[in-house]
């Protein structure tokens, strides 16, 4: 019974996936080194076709490309590109969807593209392919490439999402126009919304037509404190603290004792995208009780400023947005998302907000992904969006 409860909680973090390839050889996960390159962001460095089931009407490639971190320093990312066979024959007429994945972990080995069946990690892929939309799915820097990963670091993950579209257009068989949509779930919803905010200035040659997000974490400080009572919440907090300690050099001494610091480092070594990893991550956090934090990060510098920098309190009035939220989500709380949508509406954004009654964190994705893809396809087809701001 206890094992069932642990796994049920862990499944809220992310839907089931497949284990990473055993051939992957990660570098040190504690390194803060950033690979130097003078190439422009979005430069495609390599692409390799991957096999798909025979009945799957698409081609796919693993890619490596140049992007930027939160300080606009060069960094590498990997990902997947999927080209449907029913995409327009004229490459210039092809439309893109940039997929931002949910939490898989912060260790090098947790990259979705390292899975045995990497396309299974792309939300709503069958529907995207049916609509003839080209999909670019980043791993984020630090997953599958030298890091460190910037877990829930808004700017860095947004840049990787946007640059995945730039890189995808350089695959000779893909090409493509400049219209695209953004699509993300959970951690990926956070990345997609940040990308929507930054797209105009960062990638002005691309034309954003809409952004769809399911259960996006927005007010990080509120969510972190609200979730410490759960196993999933403590794992996500561990990922955030460990990642930001390395990425920003933010000290942990004011927040954790030495034992807790060691425990979150152990949690950080585990992915949450396969059954064995879920058990390992749950076991690693067992020593962390509800009061493992010595202080509230939202009150301690530099953590306080970092929480604000990586939170979203509103949305600009650019491209239209679809936000889907589970009414029973105990990881991304409905009240927090509702407050974000109110801020977006007050700022003049065109937002359609959908609440799925009785749906939890993973349930919202299962129930809402078809609607999200249909909404994105309509935006990319040129149909106007109708928000429901009041």
Protein backbone atom coordinates (compact mmCIF):
# COMPACT_ATOMS: atom_id res chain seq x y z
CA UNK A 1 0.00 0.00 0.00
CA UNK A 2 2.79 2.43 0.88
CA UNK A 3 4.50 1.75 -2.47
CA UNK A 4 1.22 2.48 -4.28
CA UNK A 5 0.84 5.82 -2.49
CA UNK A 6 4.44 6.81 -3.28
CA UNK A 7 4.04 5.98 -6.97
CA UNK A 8 0.68 7.74 -7.20
CA UNK A 9 2.20 10.91 -5.84
CA UNK A 10 5.18 10.63 -8.13
CA UNK A 11 2.97 10.16 -11.18
CA UNK A 12 1.63 13.64 -10.50
CA UNK A 13 5.06 15.01 -11.32
CA UNK A 14 5.09 13.57 -14.84
CA UNK A 15 3.35 10.94 -16.94
CA UNK A 16 5.05 7.61 -17.41
CA UNK A 17 7.91 7.47 -19.91
CA UNK A 18 10.79 5.27 -20.95
CA UNK A 19 14.23 5.05 -19.42
CA UNK A 20 17.14 6.91 -21.02
CA UNK A 21 19.48 5.12 -23.37
CA UNK A 22 22.07 3.05 -21.56
CA UNK A 23 24.67 4.34 -24.04
CA UNK A 24 24.52 7.91 -22.73
CA UNK A 25 27.65 9.05 -20.89
CA UNK A 26 26.97 12.17 -18.83
CA UNK A 27 29.61 14.67 -17.77
CA UNK A 28 29.83 15.84 -14.17
CA UNK A 29 26.39 17.02 -13.02
CA UNK A 30 27.94 19.52 -10.61
CA UNK A 31 29.88 21.42 -13.27
CA UNK A 32 28.89 25.00 -14.01
CA UNK A 33 30.96 25.14 -17.19
CA UNK A 34 29.27 26.51 -20.30
CA UNK A 35 30.57 25.33 -23.70
CA UNK A 36 31.94 28.27 -25.67
CA UNK A 37 30.74 28.89 -29.22
CA UNK A 38 30.62 32.01 -31.34
CA UNK A 39 27.75 30.72 -33.48
CA UNK A 40 24.41 32.49 -33.54
CA UNK A 41 21.58 31.26 -31.33
CA UNK A 42 19.49 28.67 -33.13
CA UNK A 43 22.42 27.40 -35.23
CA UNK A 44 21.88 23.73 -36.06
CA UNK A 45 25.03 21.77 -35.25
CA UNK A 46 23.90 18.24 -36.09
CA UNK A 47 20.83 16.22 -36.99
CA UNK A 48 20.31 12.47 -37.12
CA UNK A 49 17.20 10.72 -38.37
CA UNK A 50 15.54 8.38 -35.90
CA UNK A 51 13.23 5.49 -36.62
CA UNK A 52 9.49 5.68 -36.10
CA UNK A 53 6.87 2.92 -36.24
CA UNK A 54 5.94 2.03 -39.84
CA UNK A 55 2.37 3.22 -39.42
CA UNK A 56 3.55 6.60 -38.15
CA UNK A 57 3.19 9.13 -40.94
CA UNK A 58 6.14 11.32 -40.08
CA UNK A 59 9.92 11.60 -40.09
CA UNK A 60 11.93 12.56 -37.02
CA UNK A 61 15.45 13.70 -36.15
CA UNK A 62 17.52 14.18 -33.03
CA UNK A 63 19.17 17.58 -33.16
CA UNK A 64 21.91 19.53 -31.39
CA UNK A 65 21.90 23.29 -31.61
CA UNK A 66 23.23 26.52 -30.13
CA UNK A 67 21.10 28.55 -27.74
CA UNK A 68 21.61 31.02 -24.89
CA UNK A 69 21.42 30.82 -21.12
CA UNK A 70 19.65 33.38 -18.92
CA UNK A 71 22.63 35.75 -19.28
CA UNK A 72 22.66 35.34 -23.08
CA UNK A 73 25.85 33.25 -22.95
CA UNK A 74 26.22 30.51 -25.58
CA UNK A 75 25.15 27.06 -24.47
CA UNK A 76 24.14 23.84 -26.23
CA UNK A 77 20.84 22.03 -26.30
CA UNK A 78 19.48 18.89 -27.91
CA UNK A 79 15.98 17.93 -28.93
CA UNK A 80 13.68 16.24 -31.41
CA UNK A 81 12.10 17.49 -34.65
CA UNK A 82 9.09 15.74 -36.19
CA UNK A 83 7.94 16.39 -39.79
CA UNK A 84 4.50 14.97 -40.69
CA UNK A 85 4.17 13.50 -44.17
CA UNK A 86 1.00 15.57 -44.61
CA UNK A 87 2.82 18.85 -43.94
CA UNK A 88 2.52 21.30 -46.86
CA UNK A 89 4.71 20.26 -49.80
CA UNK A 90 5.97 23.82 -50.05
CA UNK A 91 8.42 24.22 -47.13
CA UNK A 92 7.65 27.93 -46.88
CA UNK A 93 4.05 27.06 -46.00
CA UNK A 94 4.94 24.78 -43.10
CA UNK A 95 3.97 25.86 -39.58
CA UNK A 96 5.76 24.93 -36.36
CA UNK A 97 4.81 24.07 -32.81
CA UNK A 98 7.55 24.33 -30.18
CA UNK A 99 6.88 21.77 -27.46
CA UNK A 100 8.22 22.42 -23.94
CA UNK A 101 8.29 19.26 -21.85
CA UNK A 102 7.31 18.83 -18.18
CA UNK A 103 9.66 17.84 -15.39
CA UNK A 104 11.85 14.85 -16.17
CA UNK A 105 14.63 15.67 -13.69
CA UNK A 106 17.75 17.83 -13.69
CA UNK A 107 20.43 15.20 -14.29
CA UNK A 108 22.12 14.94 -17.69
CA UNK A 109 20.55 11.52 -18.29
CA UNK A 110 16.98 12.86 -17.95
CA UNK A 111 16.80 14.32 -21.47
CA UNK A 112 13.65 13.18 -23.29
CA UNK A 113 15.63 12.73 -26.52
CA UNK A 114 17.70 10.03 -24.81
CA UNK A 115 14.70 7.78 -24.35
CA UNK A 116 14.39 4.63 -26.39
CA UNK A 117 11.21 6.09 -27.92
CA UNK A 118 11.80 9.84 -27.62
CA UNK A 119 8.75 10.99 -29.58
CA UNK A 120 6.50 9.53 -26.87
CA UNK A 121 7.61 12.40 -24.64
CA UNK A 122 5.91 14.98 -26.88
CA UNK A 123 2.45 15.89 -25.63
CA UNK A 124 -0.36 15.47 -28.14
CA UNK A 125 2.03 14.41 -30.89
CA UNK A 126 -0.52 12.29 -32.76
CA UNK A 127 -2.87 15.26 -33.00
CA UNK A 128 -0.05 17.61 -34.02
CA UNK A 129 0.98 15.21 -36.80
CA UNK A 130 -2.64 14.88 -37.93
CA UNK A 131 -2.78 18.66 -38.34
CA UNK A 132 0.42 18.61 -40.44
CA UNK A 133 2.34 20.74 -37.95
CA UNK A 134 6.12 20.46 -37.67
CA UNK A 135 7.15 19.89 -34.04
CA UNK A 136 10.36 21.10 -32.41
CA UNK A 137 10.86 19.65 -28.93
CA UNK A 138 13.82 20.90 -26.90
CA UNK A 139 15.45 18.95 -24.07
CA UNK A 140 16.58 22.24 -22.42
CA UNK A 141 20.34 22.84 -21.90
CA UNK A 142 21.87 20.56 -19.30
CA UNK A 143 19.67 17.59 -20.21
CA UNK A 144 21.75 15.58 -22.65
CA UNK A 145 24.33 18.38 -22.99
CA UNK A 146 26.81 20.11 -20.68
CA UNK A 147 24.92 22.28 -18.21
CA UNK A 148 24.08 23.17 -15.66
CA UNK A 149 20.35 22.91 -16.30
CA UNK A 150 18.35 25.96 -15.33
CA UNK A 151 15.30 24.21 -13.89
CA UNK A 152 12.41 26.72 -13.91
CA UNK A 153 14.82 29.44 -15.02
CA UNK A 154 12.40 31.32 -17.25
CA UNK A 155 14.72 33.09 -19.68
CA UNK A 156 17.14 30.25 -20.32
CA UNK A 157 14.46 27.65 -20.96
CA UNK A 158 12.47 30.12 -23.10
CA UNK A 159 15.51 30.76 -25.29
CA UNK A 160 16.02 27.02 -25.78
CA UNK A 161 12.38 26.62 -26.83
CA UNK A 162 12.57 29.47 -29.35
CA UNK A 163 15.92 28.36 -30.74
CA UNK A 164 14.58 24.85 -31.31
CA UNK A 165 12.32 26.32 -34.03
CA UNK A 166 15.24 28.18 -35.58
CA UNK A 167 17.28 24.98 -35.62
CA UNK A 168 14.46 22.84 -37.01
CA UNK A 169 14.07 25.13 -40.03
CA UNK A 170 17.70 24.39 -40.99
CA UNK A 171 17.17 20.66 -41.52
CA UNK A 172 17.16 20.41 -45.35
CA UNK A 173 14.08 18.18 -45.47
CA UNK A 174 12.15 20.47 -43.13
CA UNK A 175 12.67 24.11 -44.09
CA UNK A 176 9.56 26.00 -43.21
CA UNK A 177 7.91 29.35 -42.80
CA UNK A 178 8.18 31.72 -39.87
CA UNK A 179 4.83 31.14 -38.13
CA UNK A 180 4.83 29.05 -34.96
CA UNK A 181 2.96 28.28 -31.78
CA UNK A 182 4.18 27.49 -28.27
CA UNK A 183 2.90 24.50 -26.32
CA UNK A 184 3.90 23.28 -22.87
CA UNK A 185 2.77 21.39 -19.82
CA UNK A 186 3.78 21.95 -16.18
CA UNK A 187 7.47 22.98 -16.20
CA UNK A 188 7.04 23.26 -19.95
CA UNK A 189 4.04 25.55 -19.51
CA UNK A 190 6.29 27.87 -17.50
CA UNK A 191 8.89 27.76 -20.30
CA UNK A 192 6.28 28.33 -23.01
CA UNK A 193 4.78 31.38 -21.28
CA UNK A 194 8.22 32.89 -20.74
CA UNK A 195 8.98 32.20 -24.41
CA UNK A 196 5.79 34.04 -25.40
CA UNK A 197 6.96 37.06 -23.42
CA UNK A 198 10.42 37.07 -24.99
CA UNK A 199 9.75 35.91 -28.56
CA UNK A 200 9.33 39.33 -30.15
CA UNK A 201 12.65 40.68 -28.90
CA UNK A 202 14.69 37.46 -28.97
CA UNK A 203 13.50 35.92 -32.27
CA UNK A 204 11.95 38.77 -34.26
CA UNK A 205 12.17 36.83 -37.52
CA UNK A 206 9.61 34.34 -36.16
CA UNK A 207 5.91 35.14 -35.91
CA UNK A 208 4.20 33.79 -32.81
CA UNK A 209 0.54 32.94 -33.40
CA UNK A 210 -0.43 31.62 -29.98
CA UNK A 211 0.69 29.91 -26.78
CA UNK A 212 -1.07 27.01 -25.04
CA UNK A 213 -0.09 25.91 -21.54
CA UNK A 214 -1.52 23.28 -19.21
CA UNK A 215 -0.86 23.65 -15.46
CA UNK A 216 1.94 26.22 -15.80
CA UNK A 217 3.72 27.09 -12.53
CA UNK A 218 3.68 30.88 -12.30
CA UNK A 219 4.16 32.18 -8.72
CA UNK A 220 7.07 29.90 -7.78
CA UNK A 221 7.46 31.01 -4.16
CA UNK A 222 3.81 30.37 -3.34
CA UNK A 223 3.81 26.98 -5.06
CA UNK A 224 7.08 25.84 -3.44
CA UNK A 225 5.79 26.56 0.06
CA UNK A 226 2.36 25.10 -0.64
CA UNK A 227 3.77 21.78 -1.85
CA UNK A 228 6.34 20.89 0.82
CA UNK A 229 3.86 18.56 2.53
CA UNK A 230 3.95 16.12 -0.39
CA UNK A 231 6.60 13.77 -1.76
CA UNK A 232 6.26 15.27 -5.23
CA UNK A 233 6.53 18.78 -3.79
CA UNK A 234 9.74 18.00 -1.92
CA UNK A 235 11.27 16.43 -5.04
CA UNK A 236 10.41 19.50 -7.13
CA UNK A 237 11.75 21.80 -4.41
CA UNK A 238 14.97 19.75 -4.34
CA UNK A 239 15.35 20.10 -8.11
CA UNK A 240 14.86 23.86 -7.89
CA UNK A 241 17.25 24.40 -4.99
CA UNK A 242 19.98 22.18 -6.40
CA UNK A 243 19.70 23.62 -9.91
CA UNK A 244 19.74 27.26 -8.80
CA UNK A 245 22.62 26.61 -6.41
CA UNK A 246 24.73 25.53 -9.40
CA UNK A 247 23.23 27.78 -12.09
CA UNK A 248 23.23 31.03 -10.13
CA UNK A 249 25.74 30.20 -7.43
CA UNK A 250 23.02 30.86 -4.85
CA UNK A 251 24.21 29.55 -1.45
CA UNK A 252 22.19 26.87 0.30
CA UNK A 253 23.67 27.42 3.76
CA UNK A 254 20.92 29.81 4.85
CA UNK A 255 18.20 27.42 3.75
CA UNK A 256 19.45 23.91 4.53
CA UNK A 257 21.65 22.11 7.00
CA UNK A 258 24.44 19.89 5.67
CA UNK A 259 22.33 16.73 5.89
CA UNK A 260 19.51 18.24 3.85
CA UNK A 261 21.99 19.57 1.29
CA UNK A 262 23.32 16.04 0.79
CA UNK A 263 19.79 14.69 0.47
CA UNK A 264 18.72 17.14 -2.23
CA UNK A 265 21.89 16.32 -4.18
CA UNK A 266 20.83 12.66 -4.09
CA UNK A 267 17.30 13.55 -5.23
CA UNK A 268 18.82 15.60 -8.08
CA UNK A 269 20.59 12.52 -9.46
CA UNK A 270 17.27 10.83 -10.22
CA UNK A 271 14.85 11.34 -13.10
CA UNK A 272 11.09 11.08 -12.75
CA UNK A 273 10.23 9.75 -16.19
CA UNK A 274 10.29 6.03 -15.57
CA UNK A 275 9.10 3.70 -12.83
CA UNK A 276 12.49 2.84 -11.35
CA UNK A 277 13.57 6.47 -11.23
CA UNK A 278 10.36 7.48 -9.47
CA UNK A 279 11.06 4.96 -6.74
CA UNK A 280 14.68 6.15 -6.44
CA UNK A 281 13.71 9.82 -6.24
CA UNK A 282 11.03 9.06 -3.65
CA UNK A 283 13.51 7.06 -1.58
CA UNK A 284 16.17 9.81 -1.82
CA UNK A 285 13.85 12.44 -0.36
CA UNK A 286 12.72 10.31 2.62
CA UNK A 287 14.99 12.17 5.01
CA UNK A 288 13.43 15.51 4.10
CA UNK A 289 10.53 16.30 6.41
CA UNK A 290 7.98 19.09 5.97
CA UNK A 291 10.28 21.51 7.81
CA UNK A 292 13.52 20.68 6.01
CA UNK A 293 13.91 24.32 4.97
CA UNK A 294 15.48 26.50 7.63
CA UNK A 295 13.94 29.60 6.09
CA UNK A 296 11.48 30.63 3.41
CA UNK A 297 13.47 31.14 0.16
CA UNK A 298 11.09 33.97 -0.73
CA UNK A 299 12.50 35.93 2.23
CA UNK A 300 16.22 35.13 1.88
CA UNK A 301 18.52 36.88 -0.64
CA UNK A 302 19.42 36.06 -3.34
CA UNK A 303 16.68 33.42 -3.45
CA UNK A 304 13.99 36.05 -2.97
CA UNK A 305 14.99 37.92 -6.13
CA UNK A 306 15.47 34.70 -8.09
CA UNK A 307 11.95 33.58 -7.22
CA UNK A 308 10.58 36.88 -8.51
CA UNK A 309 12.72 36.82 -11.68
CA UNK A 310 11.47 33.35 -12.58
CA UNK A 311 7.82 33.86 -11.73
CA UNK A 312 5.04 35.08 -13.99
CA UNK A 313 2.43 37.44 -12.59
CA UNK A 314 0.86 38.58 -15.86
CA UNK A 315 1.16 38.15 -19.61
CA UNK A 316 1.77 40.81 -22.21
CA UNK A 317 -0.89 41.67 -24.76
CA UNK A 318 0.89 40.01 -27.72
CA UNK A 319 -0.10 36.59 -29.06
CA UNK A 320 -3.29 34.97 -27.72
CA UNK A 321 -3.02 32.39 -24.96
CA UNK A 322 -4.91 29.28 -23.88
CA UNK A 323 -4.42 28.31 -20.24
CA UNK A 324 -5.83 24.97 -19.03
CA UNK A 325 -5.86 24.17 -15.32
CA UNK A 326 -7.02 21.13 -13.38
CA UNK A 327 -9.47 22.10 -10.65
CA UNK A 328 -8.07 19.45 -8.28
CA UNK A 329 -4.36 20.00 -9.04
CA UNK A 330 -2.33 19.85 -5.80
CA UNK A 331 1.03 20.64 -7.46
CA UNK A 332 0.17 23.69 -9.58
CA UNK A 333 -2.60 25.14 -7.45
CA UNK A 334 -5.72 26.42 -9.26
CA UNK A 335 -5.83 29.60 -7.16
CA UNK A 336 -2.30 30.52 -8.28
CA UNK A 337 -3.08 29.99 -11.96
CA UNK A 338 -6.35 31.91 -11.64
CA UNK A 339 -4.48 34.84 -10.12
CA UNK A 340 -2.02 34.78 -13.02
CA UNK A 341 -4.84 34.78 -15.57
CA UNK A 342 -6.47 37.74 -13.82
CA UNK A 343 -3.18 39.62 -14.09
CA UNK A 344 -2.89 38.72 -17.76
CA UNK A 345 -6.43 39.90 -18.44
CA UNK A 346 -5.80 43.14 -16.57
CA UNK A 347 -2.73 43.70 -18.75
CA UNK A 348 -4.87 43.41 -21.89
CA UNK A 349 -3.89 39.91 -22.97
CA UNK A 350 -6.20 37.78 -25.09
CA UNK A 351 -6.62 34.75 -22.82
CA UNK A 352 -8.94 31.77 -22.90
CA UNK A 353 -8.95 30.15 -19.47
CA UNK A 354 -10.30 26.62 -19.09
CA UNK A 355 -10.68 24.91 -15.71
CA UNK A 356 -11.17 21.13 -15.75
CA UNK A 357 -13.29 20.22 -12.76
CA UNK A 358 -11.97 17.34 -10.67
CA UNK A 359 -8.77 16.93 -12.69
CA UNK A 360 -5.40 16.74 -10.96
CA UNK A 361 -1.99 17.63 -12.36
CA UNK A 362 -1.55 14.73 -14.79
CA UNK A 363 -5.30 14.43 -15.34
CA UNK A 364 -5.45 17.96 -16.74
CA UNK A 365 -2.89 17.03 -19.37
CA UNK A 366 -4.71 13.85 -20.35
CA UNK A 367 -8.03 15.66 -20.59
CA UNK A 368 -6.82 18.91 -22.10
CA UNK A 369 -4.11 18.13 -24.63
CA UNK A 370 -6.43 17.48 -27.58
CA UNK A 371 -8.18 20.81 -26.97
CA UNK A 372 -4.82 22.58 -26.67
CA UNK A 373 -3.54 21.18 -29.99
CA UNK A 374 -6.82 21.98 -31.74
CA UNK A 375 -6.63 25.55 -30.42
CA UNK A 376 -3.03 25.94 -31.62
CA UNK A 377 -3.88 24.51 -35.05
CA UNK A 378 -6.68 27.05 -35.39
CA UNK A 379 -4.32 29.92 -34.55
CA UNK A 380 -1.77 28.67 -37.10
CA UNK A 381 -4.55 28.40 -39.67
CA UNK A 382 -5.24 32.10 -39.21
CA UNK A 383 -8.47 31.81 -37.24
CA UNK A 384 -9.02 34.57 -34.65
CA UNK A 385 -8.84 33.70 -30.94
CA UNK A 386 -11.68 34.57 -28.61
CA UNK A 387 -10.67 35.05 -25.00
CA UNK A 388 -12.94 34.85 -21.98
CA UNK A 389 -11.45 37.58 -19.79
CA UNK A 390 -14.07 39.30 -17.67
